[in-house]
């Protein structure tokens, strides 16, 4: 008798016809997973096996457009979800009206990054209430509350290198934690512990069963500072544990996160998905893919796009697709960059809002930006060559201070800036172009300005950097002070000094902070309706009656239709 081990997660909902969705589950043995909806829609799929675990991504068809319907999950013909004694509302699938009817409805997109799993009930939470857990509790308690149309989880969904006490106890039962990699995750089985811990939380489990989600990795999904530089990669590959970590990290990401990002059509065309499902045990097929994806990143594209009515979303891989040779250093390899550019510029006029999801912020506090660009100049040999004293100093500083955002890849920063300008320009320009990011453990809004003489002209769209992090984590006091200083006049002055020393040249844009910084466990929500846009920021706060969400910001970004 098969049991449900993890899930269900509602992942993809079709916004073109409003009639299909995908639901991800993990069972405890081989079986057939089935989803049955109250409106008669259904879907089923046999499980596939990886490393002794059994998964299915069920494509549900026949959904009623512009409706909300409850669903249940069956394994081997037996209902396993929702539990008979569930204290939560029914898990549901909400579909939009079909795109062909031209109806405009608000699109609500909630996003954030960096989430440690909430501790077990009764255990003290050292970093404060979990914002995702608190959002779930609020929605579950109030059936009339407005739910997001989609959750964007922008990296560090799990922490392979910073495990909880409970996970460390599980690891210690398997192996000697005195041996590398110590209390960090070592293999695929240990990655499954992280997802268990994160997604079995009752509130979060219910939320993910009823609100669709899009995900992209960041460094802690593998290890802190993953792919910072060529020297970093060489040092990692010289260790005894790295090969198993990267293979297991990418394999588990493909199973637990990436598959659900894909549409049913993309799944049907995916040769790896077909290969894994075609054999009794897909472990070796997936491990070969993961190893090749690490050694030859150009063979894999983790970036993907989604459309929500008149809203276009591009989720960009800013980790695995990097080119790390100091002379050709780039955030994205040529093929990935080409895909992002073509996806952003395709079919102008077909969308009112362009969202670019990248785990790492495009626009940072100016001092931090200048420091990263200066450090990149040192590392490529602006002072004394690539093997000189300044270059060695730059590499040490880059690793110690996490100097590896878009600014640390200067040519990529300029290319992304130009793409955003082009995307937001012309007679069919969208109302907004928003870059959605996390990583830096605080939230802020930054708005760029282009010089009057920029070729092609400044964009007509409103362009914003919206950064929201963490969902459930912390930031040391000195770093808070450092980020605040980075936005200050004195910080800008210091940044200009670093830029002159590094001979980095003028930036193609200037930008200013128009909101924040805010510190705490938090989530942002964009509400997009026609050409209107509004932004809300909520923070989870501990109260006498339990954690609650407090609204910190509620701002119109574009008021006129």
Protein backbone atom coordinates (compact mmCIF):
# COMPACT_ATOMS: atom_id res chain seq x y z
CA UNK A 1 0.00 0.00 0.00
CA UNK A 2 1.71 3.18 -1.22
CA UNK A 3 1.88 6.18 1.06
CA UNK A 4 2.44 9.84 0.28
CA UNK A 5 5.94 10.77 1.46
CA UNK A 6 6.00 14.44 0.42
CA UNK A 7 3.72 16.85 -1.42
CA UNK A 8 1.48 17.47 -3.13
CA UNK A 9 2.92 20.65 -4.65
CA UNK A 10 0.82 22.53 -7.17
CA UNK A 11 3.47 23.76 -9.61
CA UNK A 12 2.29 24.88 -13.04
CA UNK A 13 -1.11 26.33 -13.93
CA UNK A 14 -1.82 27.08 -17.58
CA UNK A 15 -2.66 30.74 -18.23
CA UNK A 16 -3.28 30.32 -21.96
CA UNK A 17 -6.34 28.04 -21.97
CA UNK A 18 -6.90 27.85 -18.19
CA UNK A 19 -7.51 24.11 -18.43
CA UNK A 20 -4.38 22.29 -17.20
CA UNK A 21 -1.96 22.16 -14.27
CA UNK A 22 0.80 19.99 -12.83
CA UNK A 23 0.98 18.47 -9.34
CA UNK A 24 4.21 17.00 -7.93
CA UNK A 25 4.25 14.17 -5.38
CA UNK A 26 6.71 11.78 -3.75
CA UNK A 27 5.51 8.29 -2.79
CA UNK A 28 7.22 5.71 -0.62
CA UNK A 29 7.22 2.98 -3.31
CA UNK A 30 6.50 2.47 -7.03
CA UNK A 31 2.87 3.24 -7.81
CA UNK A 32 0.56 5.28 -10.00
CA UNK A 33 -0.24 8.78 -8.79
CA UNK A 34 -3.60 10.27 -9.66
CA UNK A 35 -5.15 13.70 -9.14
CA UNK A 36 -8.95 13.99 -9.16
CA UNK A 37 -10.68 17.36 -9.08
CA UNK A 38 -14.17 18.23 -7.93
CA UNK A 39 -14.99 19.66 -11.37
CA UNK A 40 -14.19 16.35 -13.09
CA UNK A 41 -10.67 17.20 -14.23
CA UNK A 42 -8.05 14.56 -13.60
CA UNK A 43 -4.63 13.19 -14.46
CA UNK A 44 -2.42 10.25 -13.60
CA UNK A 45 1.18 9.19 -13.98
CA UNK A 46 3.33 6.24 -12.93
CA UNK A 47 6.12 7.16 -10.54
CA UNK A 48 9.75 7.26 -11.63
CA UNK A 49 12.61 6.21 -9.37
CA UNK A 50 15.76 8.06 -8.33
CA UNK A 51 18.08 6.79 -5.57
CA UNK A 52 15.38 4.68 -3.93
CA UNK A 53 12.78 7.48 -3.99
CA UNK A 54 9.64 7.54 -6.11
CA UNK A 55 8.19 10.65 -7.73
CA UNK A 56 5.45 11.72 -10.11
CA UNK A 57 4.57 14.97 -11.80
CA UNK A 58 0.91 14.59 -12.69
CA UNK A 59 -0.47 16.61 -15.59
CA UNK A 60 -4.08 17.50 -14.78
CA UNK A 61 -6.29 18.24 -17.79
CA UNK A 62 -9.91 19.22 -18.26
CA UNK A 63 -9.93 21.98 -15.64
CA UNK A 64 -12.67 24.59 -15.90
CA UNK A 65 -11.23 27.99 -16.85
CA UNK A 66 -11.79 30.87 -14.44
CA UNK A 67 -12.65 28.62 -11.52
CA UNK A 68 -11.39 27.18 -8.24
CA UNK A 69 -11.76 23.46 -7.71
CA UNK A 70 -10.72 21.19 -4.85
CA UNK A 71 -8.59 18.17 -5.62
CA UNK A 72 -7.41 14.97 -3.99
CA UNK A 73 -4.40 12.74 -4.58
CA UNK A 74 -4.59 8.98 -4.95
CA UNK A 75 -1.75 6.47 -4.95
CA UNK A 76 -2.53 3.05 -6.38
CA UNK A 77 -6.21 4.01 -6.40
CA UNK A 78 -6.30 4.88 -2.69
CA UNK A 79 -6.85 8.44 -1.51
CA UNK A 80 -3.84 9.74 0.43
CA UNK A 81 -4.43 13.51 0.34
CA UNK A 82 -5.90 15.47 1.97
CA UNK A 83 -5.71 13.55 5.25
CA UNK A 84 -9.04 12.66 6.83
CA UNK A 85 -8.19 14.69 9.92
CA UNK A 86 -6.79 17.73 8.10
CA UNK A 87 -7.28 21.05 9.91
CA UNK A 88 -6.64 23.02 6.73
CA UNK A 89 -9.03 24.12 3.98
CA UNK A 90 -9.27 21.95 0.90
CA UNK A 91 -6.29 22.17 -1.42
CA UNK A 92 -7.45 23.73 -4.66
CA UNK A 93 -6.43 24.61 -8.20
CA UNK A 94 -7.44 28.07 -9.37
CA UNK A 95 -7.47 28.69 -13.11
CA UNK A 96 -7.60 32.02 -14.93
CA UNK A 97 -10.03 32.83 -17.73
CA UNK A 98 -8.69 31.72 -21.12
CA UNK A 99 -6.46 34.30 -22.78
CA UNK A 100 -8.74 34.30 -25.83
CA UNK A 101 -11.61 35.99 -23.99
CA UNK A 102 -9.53 39.14 -23.41
CA UNK A 103 -10.65 39.47 -19.79
CA UNK A 104 -8.17 41.36 -17.61
CA UNK A 105 -7.79 40.18 -14.03
CA UNK A 106 -5.25 41.09 -11.38
CA UNK A 107 -2.13 38.95 -11.19
CA UNK A 108 -0.65 38.65 -7.70
CA UNK A 109 2.94 37.45 -7.51
CA UNK A 110 4.51 36.88 -4.08
CA UNK A 111 8.27 36.45 -3.94
CA UNK A 112 11.26 36.11 -1.66
CA UNK A 113 14.34 34.00 -1.06
CA UNK A 114 16.57 32.44 1.57
CA UNK A 115 14.49 30.16 3.77
CA UNK A 116 15.76 27.98 6.55
CA UNK A 117 13.14 25.39 7.42
CA UNK A 118 11.05 26.40 10.43
CA UNK A 119 11.99 24.44 13.58
CA UNK A 120 9.65 21.74 14.92
CA UNK A 121 6.67 22.89 16.98
CA UNK A 122 7.73 23.83 20.48
CA UNK A 123 11.36 24.45 19.54
CA UNK A 124 12.63 28.02 19.83
CA UNK A 125 13.03 29.81 16.51
CA UNK A 126 16.32 31.70 16.79
CA UNK A 127 15.75 33.84 13.67
CA UNK A 128 12.14 34.83 14.26
CA UNK A 129 8.91 33.69 12.60
CA UNK A 130 9.03 32.17 9.12
CA UNK A 131 7.31 34.54 6.66
CA UNK A 132 6.14 31.71 4.38
CA UNK A 133 4.78 29.73 7.31
CA UNK A 134 3.03 32.84 8.64
CA UNK A 135 1.51 33.62 5.23
CA UNK A 136 0.20 30.06 5.04
CA UNK A 137 -1.35 30.30 8.49
CA UNK A 138 -3.06 33.57 7.61
CA UNK A 139 -4.53 32.20 4.36
CA UNK A 140 -5.63 28.96 5.99
CA UNK A 141 -7.37 30.83 8.81
CA UNK A 142 -9.29 33.15 6.48
CA UNK A 143 -10.82 31.42 3.44
CA UNK A 144 -11.85 34.84 2.10
CA UNK A 145 -8.28 36.17 2.12
CA UNK A 146 -6.83 37.01 -1.28
CA UNK A 147 -4.26 34.40 -2.25
CA UNK A 148 -1.25 34.90 -4.50
CA UNK A 149 -1.58 33.57 -8.03
CA UNK A 150 1.97 32.29 -7.84
CA UNK A 151 4.91 32.07 -5.43
CA UNK A 152 8.36 32.91 -6.78
CA UNK A 153 11.05 31.28 -4.65
CA UNK A 154 14.25 33.00 -5.73
CA UNK A 155 16.95 30.75 -4.32
CA UNK A 156 18.24 29.06 -1.20
CA UNK A 157 15.10 26.97 -0.87
CA UNK A 158 17.32 24.57 1.08
CA UNK A 159 20.68 25.06 2.80
CA UNK A 160 23.02 22.20 1.99
CA UNK A 161 25.86 23.83 3.92
CA UNK A 162 23.97 25.10 7.00
CA UNK A 163 21.92 22.24 8.40
CA UNK A 164 19.58 22.29 11.38
CA UNK A 165 20.04 20.37 14.62
CA UNK A 166 17.42 17.86 13.52
CA UNK A 167 19.14 17.29 10.18
CA UNK A 168 22.55 16.98 11.82
CA UNK A 169 21.16 14.25 14.05
CA UNK A 170 19.91 12.39 10.97
CA UNK A 171 23.28 12.79 9.24
CA UNK A 172 25.13 11.53 12.32
CA UNK A 173 23.12 8.30 12.19
CA UNK A 174 24.43 7.70 8.64
CA UNK A 175 28.10 8.68 8.85
CA UNK A 176 30.91 10.20 10.90
CA UNK A 177 30.45 13.98 10.92
CA UNK A 178 34.15 14.41 11.69
CA UNK A 179 34.86 13.42 8.10
CA UNK A 180 34.28 15.86 5.20
CA UNK A 181 31.86 17.40 4.48
CA UNK A 182 31.01 17.25 8.17
CA UNK A 183 27.55 18.50 9.11
CA UNK A 184 26.84 19.56 5.55
CA UNK A 185 24.86 17.48 3.08
CA UNK A 186 26.93 14.78 1.37
CA UNK A 187 24.68 12.97 -1.14
CA UNK A 188 21.25 12.68 -2.72
CA UNK A 189 19.70 10.88 0.24
CA UNK A 190 20.76 13.69 2.55
CA UNK A 191 19.29 16.26 0.15
CA UNK A 192 15.96 14.47 0.50
CA UNK A 193 16.17 15.16 4.25
CA UNK A 194 16.40 18.90 3.53
CA UNK A 195 13.29 18.88 1.35
CA UNK A 196 11.45 16.76 3.92
CA UNK A 197 12.29 19.25 6.61
CA UNK A 198 11.34 22.28 4.53
CA UNK A 199 8.18 21.07 2.80
CA UNK A 200 6.64 18.82 5.48
CA UNK A 201 5.98 21.80 7.73
CA UNK A 202 2.14 21.52 7.91
CA UNK A 203 1.36 25.14 7.02
CA UNK A 204 3.89 25.31 4.21
CA UNK A 205 2.81 21.92 2.89
CA UNK A 206 -0.78 23.14 2.61
CA UNK A 207 0.30 26.44 1.02
CA UNK A 208 2.41 24.72 -1.64
CA UNK A 209 -0.48 22.35 -2.39
CA UNK A 210 -2.80 25.20 -3.30
CA UNK A 211 -0.65 28.09 -4.63
CA UNK A 212 1.45 27.45 -7.76
CA UNK A 213 5.18 28.00 -7.45
CA UNK A 214 8.17 28.87 -9.62
CA UNK A 215 11.68 28.20 -8.29
CA UNK A 216 15.31 28.88 -9.15
CA UNK A 217 18.41 27.91 -7.20
CA UNK A 218 21.08 30.06 -5.57
CA UNK A 219 24.37 29.15 -3.93
CA UNK A 220 23.21 27.55 -0.66
CA UNK A 221 21.11 25.04 -2.60
CA UNK A 222 24.59 23.63 -3.34
CA UNK A 223 27.16 25.47 -1.20
CA UNK A 224 27.97 29.03 -0.16
CA UNK A 225 29.56 31.06 -3.00
CA UNK A 226 28.99 28.30 -5.55
CA UNK A 227 30.78 29.19 -8.81
CA UNK A 228 32.28 32.41 -7.48
CA UNK A 229 35.41 32.11 -9.65
CA UNK A 230 37.53 29.67 -11.63
CA UNK A 231 39.93 29.41 -8.69
CA UNK A 232 37.02 28.63 -6.37
CA UNK A 233 35.84 25.83 -8.67
CA UNK A 234 39.37 24.38 -8.88
CA UNK A 235 39.67 24.35 -5.10
CA UNK A 236 36.24 22.73 -4.72
CA UNK A 237 37.01 20.01 -7.26
CA UNK A 238 40.21 19.18 -5.41
CA UNK A 239 38.26 18.11 -2.31
CA UNK A 240 37.11 14.56 -1.63
CA UNK A 241 33.44 15.49 -1.25
CA UNK A 242 32.70 18.03 -3.99
CA UNK A 243 31.86 15.69 -6.88
CA UNK A 244 29.14 13.91 -4.90
CA UNK A 245 27.78 17.23 -3.58
CA UNK A 246 27.43 18.90 -6.98
CA UNK A 247 26.01 15.80 -8.68
CA UNK A 248 23.50 15.24 -5.87
CA UNK A 249 22.69 18.94 -5.62
CA UNK A 250 21.86 19.31 -9.31
CA UNK A 251 20.07 15.95 -9.48
CA UNK A 252 17.87 16.74 -6.48
CA UNK A 253 17.21 20.26 -7.78
CA UNK A 254 16.03 18.76 -11.09
CA UNK A 255 13.64 16.42 -9.28
CA UNK A 256 12.34 18.64 -6.48
CA UNK A 257 12.38 22.08 -8.07
CA UNK A 258 13.16 22.26 -11.78
CA UNK A 259 10.65 19.74 -13.19
CA UNK A 260 7.72 21.63 -11.74
CA UNK A 261 8.86 24.84 -13.42
CA UNK A 262 8.09 23.33 -16.83
CA UNK A 263 4.83 23.38 -18.76
CA UNK A 264 3.24 20.10 -19.85
CA UNK A 265 4.43 20.79 -23.40
CA UNK A 266 8.01 21.37 -22.22
CA UNK A 267 7.87 18.18 -20.15
CA UNK A 268 6.66 16.18 -23.13
CA UNK A 269 9.60 17.47 -25.19
CA UNK A 270 12.26 17.01 -22.49
CA UNK A 271 14.58 14.10 -23.41
CA UNK A 272 15.96 13.75 -19.88
CA UNK A 273 12.47 13.50 -18.39
CA UNK A 274 11.63 10.81 -20.95
CA UNK A 275 14.88 8.93 -20.26
CA UNK A 276 14.44 8.92 -16.49
CA UNK A 277 10.86 7.66 -16.81
CA UNK A 278 11.75 5.00 -19.37
CA UNK A 279 13.86 2.88 -17.01
CA UNK A 280 13.02 1.15 -13.72
CA UNK A 281 15.67 3.21 -11.92
CA UNK A 282 16.65 6.60 -13.32
CA UNK A 283 19.47 7.23 -10.86
CA UNK A 284 22.40 6.73 -13.21
CA UNK A 285 20.71 8.59 -16.07
CA UNK A 286 20.17 11.59 -13.82
CA UNK A 287 23.62 11.42 -12.24
CA UNK A 288 25.28 11.44 -15.67
CA UNK A 289 23.22 14.47 -16.62
CA UNK A 290 24.12 16.30 -13.40
CA UNK A 291 27.83 15.59 -13.77
CA UNK A 292 27.79 16.80 -17.37
CA UNK A 293 25.77 19.90 -16.41
CA UNK A 294 28.48 20.84 -13.93
CA UNK A 295 31.41 20.22 -16.28
CA UNK A 296 29.72 21.62 -19.42
CA UNK A 297 27.11 24.19 -18.31
CA UNK A 298 26.34 25.15 -21.92
CA UNK A 299 24.63 21.78 -22.39
CA UNK A 300 21.86 22.66 -19.92
CA UNK A 301 19.51 25.61 -19.60
CA UNK A 302 17.99 26.06 -16.14
CA UNK A 303 16.44 29.44 -17.02
CA UNK A 304 12.81 29.37 -18.11
CA UNK A 305 9.85 31.61 -18.86
CA UNK A 306 6.24 31.79 -17.76
CA UNK A 307 3.31 33.90 -18.88
CA UNK A 308 0.50 35.07 -16.59
CA UNK A 309 -1.97 36.81 -18.84
CA UNK A 310 -0.31 40.11 -19.82
CA UNK A 311 2.63 39.50 -17.49
CA UNK A 312 5.83 37.89 -18.79
CA UNK A 313 8.21 36.29 -16.30
CA UNK A 314 11.78 35.22 -17.07
CA UNK A 315 13.50 33.21 -14.35
CA UNK A 316 17.24 33.50 -14.95
CA UNK A 317 19.91 31.08 -13.73
CA UNK A 318 22.63 33.30 -12.27
CA UNK A 319 24.68 30.43 -10.78
CA UNK A 320 25.28 27.41 -13.00
CA UNK A 321 25.56 29.19 -16.37
CA UNK A 322 28.55 31.35 -15.43
CA UNK A 323 31.71 31.72 -17.51
CA UNK A 324 34.53 32.03 -14.99
CA UNK A 325 37.64 32.60 -17.09
CA UNK A 326 38.85 36.03 -15.90
CA UNK A 327 39.28 37.29 -19.46
CA UNK A 328 35.75 36.24 -20.49
CA UNK A 329 33.99 36.41 -17.14
CA UNK A 330 30.22 36.41 -17.59
CA UNK A 331 27.15 35.72 -15.48
CA UNK A 332 25.60 33.76 -18.36
CA UNK A 333 27.20 31.72 -21.12
CA UNK A 334 26.55 32.92 -24.66
CA UNK A 335 23.67 30.53 -25.35
CA UNK A 336 21.91 31.31 -22.07
CA UNK A 337 22.35 35.05 -22.61
CA UNK A 338 20.93 34.70 -26.13
CA UNK A 339 17.89 32.85 -24.78
CA UNK A 340 17.23 35.53 -22.15
CA UNK A 341 17.54 38.31 -24.71
CA UNK A 342 15.25 36.67 -27.24
CA UNK A 343 12.67 35.80 -24.58
CA UNK A 344 12.62 39.37 -23.26
CA UNK A 345 12.28 41.03 -26.68
CA UNK A 346 9.96 38.55 -28.38
CA UNK A 347 6.52 39.71 -29.49
CA UNK A 348 6.60 43.31 -28.19
CA UNK A 349 3.20 44.61 -27.20
CA UNK A 350 2.01 41.20 -26.01
CA UNK A 351 2.66 42.00 -22.35
CA UNK A 352 2.13 44.94 -19.99
CA UNK A 353 4.77 43.94 -17.45
CA UNK A 354 8.13 42.21 -17.81
CA UNK A 355 9.51 40.50 -14.70
CA UNK A 356 13.09 39.23 -14.60
CA UNK A 357 13.66 36.87 -11.69
CA UNK A 358 17.31 36.49 -10.75
CA UNK A 359 18.43 35.32 -7.33
CA UNK A 360 21.16 37.98 -7.30
CA UNK A 361 20.22 41.67 -7.42
CA UNK A 362 21.03 43.63 -10.55
CA UNK A 363 21.22 46.91 -8.60
CA UNK A 364 23.01 46.86 -5.24
CA UNK A 365 23.87 49.62 -2.77
CA UNK A 366 26.27 51.78 -4.85
CA UNK A 367 29.27 51.15 -2.60
CA UNK A 368 28.75 47.39 -2.82
CA UNK A 369 28.39 47.60 -6.60
CA UNK A 370 31.58 49.64 -6.98
CA UNK A 371 33.46 47.32 -4.60
CA UNK A 372 32.45 44.28 -6.67
CA UNK A 373 33.40 45.89 -9.98
CA UNK A 374 36.71 47.08 -8.48
CA UNK A 375 37.43 43.60 -7.16
CA UNK A 376 36.68 42.09 -10.59
CA UNK A 377 39.20 44.51 -12.10
CA UNK A 378 41.85 43.44 -9.61
CA UNK A 379 41.21 39.76 -10.27
CA UNK A 380 41.56 40.16 -14.03
CA UNK A 381 44.91 41.88 -13.55
CA UNK A 382 44.32 45.62 -13.86
CA UNK A 383 47.13 46.10 -11.33
CA UNK A 384 50.10 43.80 -11.80
CA UNK A 385 48.61 41.12 -14.04
CA UNK A 386 46.43 38.07 -13.32
CA UNK A 387 48.99 36.41 -11.06
CA UNK A 388 50.10 39.52 -9.21
CA UNK A 389 49.69 40.56 -5.61
CA UNK A 390 46.58 42.66 -6.31
CA UNK A 391 44.92 39.79 -8.17
CA UNK A 392 45.58 37.37 -5.31
CA UNK A 393 44.20 39.94 -2.86
CA UNK A 394 41.13 40.39 -5.05
CA UNK A 395 40.43 36.66 -5.11
CA UNK A 396 40.69 36.36 -1.34
CA UNK A 397 38.44 39.39 -0.88
CA UNK A 398 35.91 38.11 -3.43
CA UNK A 399 35.46 34.86 -1.53
CA UNK A 400 35.53 36.35 1.96
CA UNK A 401 33.03 39.12 1.18
CA UNK A 402 30.69 37.37 -1.31
CA UNK A 403 31.57 39.78 -4.12
CA UNK A 404 29.82 37.82 -6.87
CA UNK A 405 26.62 39.59 -7.90
CA UNK A 406 25.94 41.07 -11.34
CA UNK A 407 28.38 43.90 -10.58
CA UNK A 408 31.18 41.35 -10.23
CA UNK A 409 30.57 40.40 -13.88
CA UNK A 410 30.89 43.89 -15.40
CA UNK A 411 30.18 42.97 -19.02
CA UNK A 412 27.08 41.01 -17.97
CA UNK A 413 25.87 43.93 -15.85
CA UNK A 414 26.11 46.19 -18.88
CA UNK A 415 24.41 43.66 -21.15
CA UNK A 416 21.53 43.20 -18.71
CA UNK A 417 21.21 46.97 -18.31
CA UNK A 418 21.01 47.42 -22.08
CA UNK A 419 18.48 44.57 -22.41
CA UNK A 420 16.29 46.18 -19.77
CA UNK A 421 16.52 49.52 -21.59
CA UNK A 422 15.55 47.91 -24.89
CA UNK A 423 12.73 45.89 -23.33
CA UNK A 424 11.26 49.01 -21.77
CA UNK A 425 11.52 51.18 -24.88
CA UNK A 426 9.59 51.72 -28.10
CA UNK A 427 5.94 52.21 -29.02
CA UNK A 428 4.92 48.88 -27.48
CA UNK A 429 6.89 49.28 -24.25
CA UNK A 430 5.43 47.60 -21.16
CA UNK A 431 4.33 49.69 -18.21
CA UNK A 432 7.03 48.21 -15.96
CA UNK A 433 10.22 46.20 -16.16
CA UNK A 434 10.96 44.79 -12.71
CA UNK A 435 13.99 42.79 -11.64
CA UNK A 436 13.00 40.51 -8.74
CA UNK A 437 15.84 39.31 -6.51
CA UNK A 438 16.81 38.07 -3.06
CA UNK A 439 20.11 36.79 -1.60
CA UNK A 440 21.22 39.83 0.43
CA UNK A 441 19.04 39.24 3.53
CA UNK A 442 17.20 42.54 3.40
CA UNK A 443 14.63 44.23 1.19
CA UNK A 444 14.76 47.43 -0.81
CA UNK A 445 13.53 49.20 -3.93
CA UNK A 446 16.01 50.80 -6.33
CA UNK A 447 15.20 52.84 -9.41
CA UNK A 448 17.71 53.53 -12.21
CA UNK A 449 18.12 56.59 -14.42
CA UNK A 450 19.73 56.58 -17.86
CA UNK A 451 21.76 59.53 -19.16
CA UNK A 452 19.98 61.84 -21.60
CA UNK A 453 22.35 60.92 -24.41
CA UNK A 454 22.04 57.13 -24.10
CA UNK A 455 21.81 55.57 -27.59
CA UNK A 456 18.24 54.56 -28.29
CA UNK A 457 16.88 56.77 -25.52
CA UNK A 458 15.85 56.04 -21.97
CA UNK A 459 13.11 53.44 -21.49
CA UNK A 460 9.52 54.58 -21.33
CA UNK A 461 8.63 51.80 -18.91
CA UNK A 462 9.16 52.28 -15.20
CA UNK A 463 12.19 50.16 -14.29
CA UNK A 464 12.64 48.86 -10.74
CA UNK A 465 14.92 46.58 -8.78
CA UNK A 466 12.75 44.83 -6.17
CA UNK A 467 14.80 42.86 -3.67
CA UNK A 468 13.22 40.76 -0.91
CA UNK A 469 15.15 38.50 1.43
CA UNK A 470 15.12 36.55 3.68
CA UNK A 471 11.93 34.54 4.03
CA UNK A 472 13.35 32.90 7.15
CA UNK A 473 16.94 33.67 8.08
CA UNK A 474 18.96 36.43 9.71
CA UNK A 475 21.61 39.06 9.05
CA UNK A 476 24.35 40.11 11.50
CA UNK A 477 24.24 43.65 12.86
CA UNK A 478 27.52 44.75 11.20
CA UNK A 479 26.17 43.72 7.79
CA UNK A 480 22.99 45.72 8.38
CA UNK A 481 25.13 48.76 9.11
CA UNK A 482 27.27 48.04 6.06
CA UNK A 483 24.30 47.89 3.70
CA UNK A 484 22.90 51.13 5.12
CA UNK A 485 26.28 52.80 4.67
CA UNK A 486 26.42 51.48 1.11
CA UNK A 487 23.46 53.69 0.17
CA UNK A 488 24.81 56.79 1.93
CA UNK A 489 26.56 59.78 0.37
CA UNK A 490 29.79 58.80 2.09
CA UNK A 491 29.42 55.25 0.80
CA UNK A 492 28.94 56.50 -2.75
CA UNK A 493 32.06 58.63 -2.41
CA UNK A 494 34.11 55.66 -1.22
CA UNK A 495 32.73 53.61 -4.10
CA UNK A 496 33.86 56.21 -6.63
CA UNK A 497 37.36 56.04 -5.17
CA UNK A 498 37.42 52.28 -5.62
CA UNK A 499 36.16 52.66 -9.19
CA UNK A 500 38.97 55.08 -10.02
CA UNK A 501 41.56 52.73 -8.53
CA UNK A 502 40.16 49.79 -10.49
CA UNK A 503 39.86 51.81 -13.72
CA UNK A 504 36.38 50.41 -14.14
CA UNK A 505 35.04 53.26 -16.26
CA UNK A 506 31.71 55.04 -15.90
CA UNK A 507 28.54 53.07 -15.19
CA UNK A 508 25.90 53.10 -17.95
CA UNK A 509 23.28 54.17 -15.38
CA UNK A 510 22.88 55.72 -11.98
CA UNK A 511 20.32 54.56 -9.44
CA UNK A 512 18.82 55.55 -6.14
CA UNK A 513 17.06 53.76 -3.34
CA UNK A 514 13.33 54.59 -3.28
CA UNK A 515 12.37 52.21 -0.47
CA UNK A 516 14.08 50.46 2.43
CA UNK A 517 16.30 48.97 3.50
CA UNK A 518 14.00 46.71 5.51
CA UNK A 519 15.34 43.92 7.71
CA UNK A 520 13.38 40.91 8.92
CA UNK A 521 11.67 37.77 7.61
CA UNK A 522 9.60 39.11 4.75
CA UNK A 523 7.78 38.69 1.46
CA UNK A 524 6.94 41.10 -1.33
CA UNK A 525 3.81 40.91 -3.49
CA UNK A 526 3.37 42.56 -6.87
CA UNK A 527 -0.22 43.14 -7.94
CA UNK A 528 -0.47 43.76 -11.68
CA UNK A 529 -3.78 44.68 -13.32
CA UNK A 530 -3.78 45.90 -16.87
CA UNK A 531 -0.96 48.47 -16.89
CA UNK A 532 -1.36 49.24 -13.21
CA UNK A 533 1.14 47.96 -10.66
CA UNK A 534 1.29 47.97 -6.87
CA UNK A 535 3.78 46.57 -4.38
CA UNK A 536 3.26 45.27 -0.84
CA UNK A 537 5.90 44.20 1.67
CA UNK A 538 4.94 42.18 4.74
CA UNK A 539 7.10 40.99 7.64
CA UNK A 540 6.49 38.12 10.04
CA UNK A 541 6.38 39.32 13.65
CA UNK A 542 6.18 37.32 16.87
CA UNK A 543 3.05 38.22 18.85
CA UNK A 544 1.47 36.96 22.05
CA UNK A 545 -1.12 35.00 20.03
CA UNK A 546 1.44 33.68 17.56
CA UNK A 547 3.24 34.98 14.50
CA UNK A 548 1.46 37.55 12.37
CA UNK A 549 2.19 39.39 9.14
CA UNK A 550 2.56 43.15 9.41
CA UNK A 551 2.32 45.34 6.33
CA UNK A 552 5.44 47.49 6.08
CA UNK A 553 4.83 48.92 2.61
CA UNK A 554 1.79 49.27 0.38
CA UNK A 555 2.70 51.41 -2.61
CA UNK A 556 1.30 52.08 -6.06
CA UNK A 557 4.00 51.79 -8.71
CA UNK A 558 1.86 52.65 -11.73
CA UNK A 559 -1.46 54.23 -10.90
CA UNK A 560 -2.83 55.01 -14.37
CA UNK A 561 -4.23 52.31 -16.62
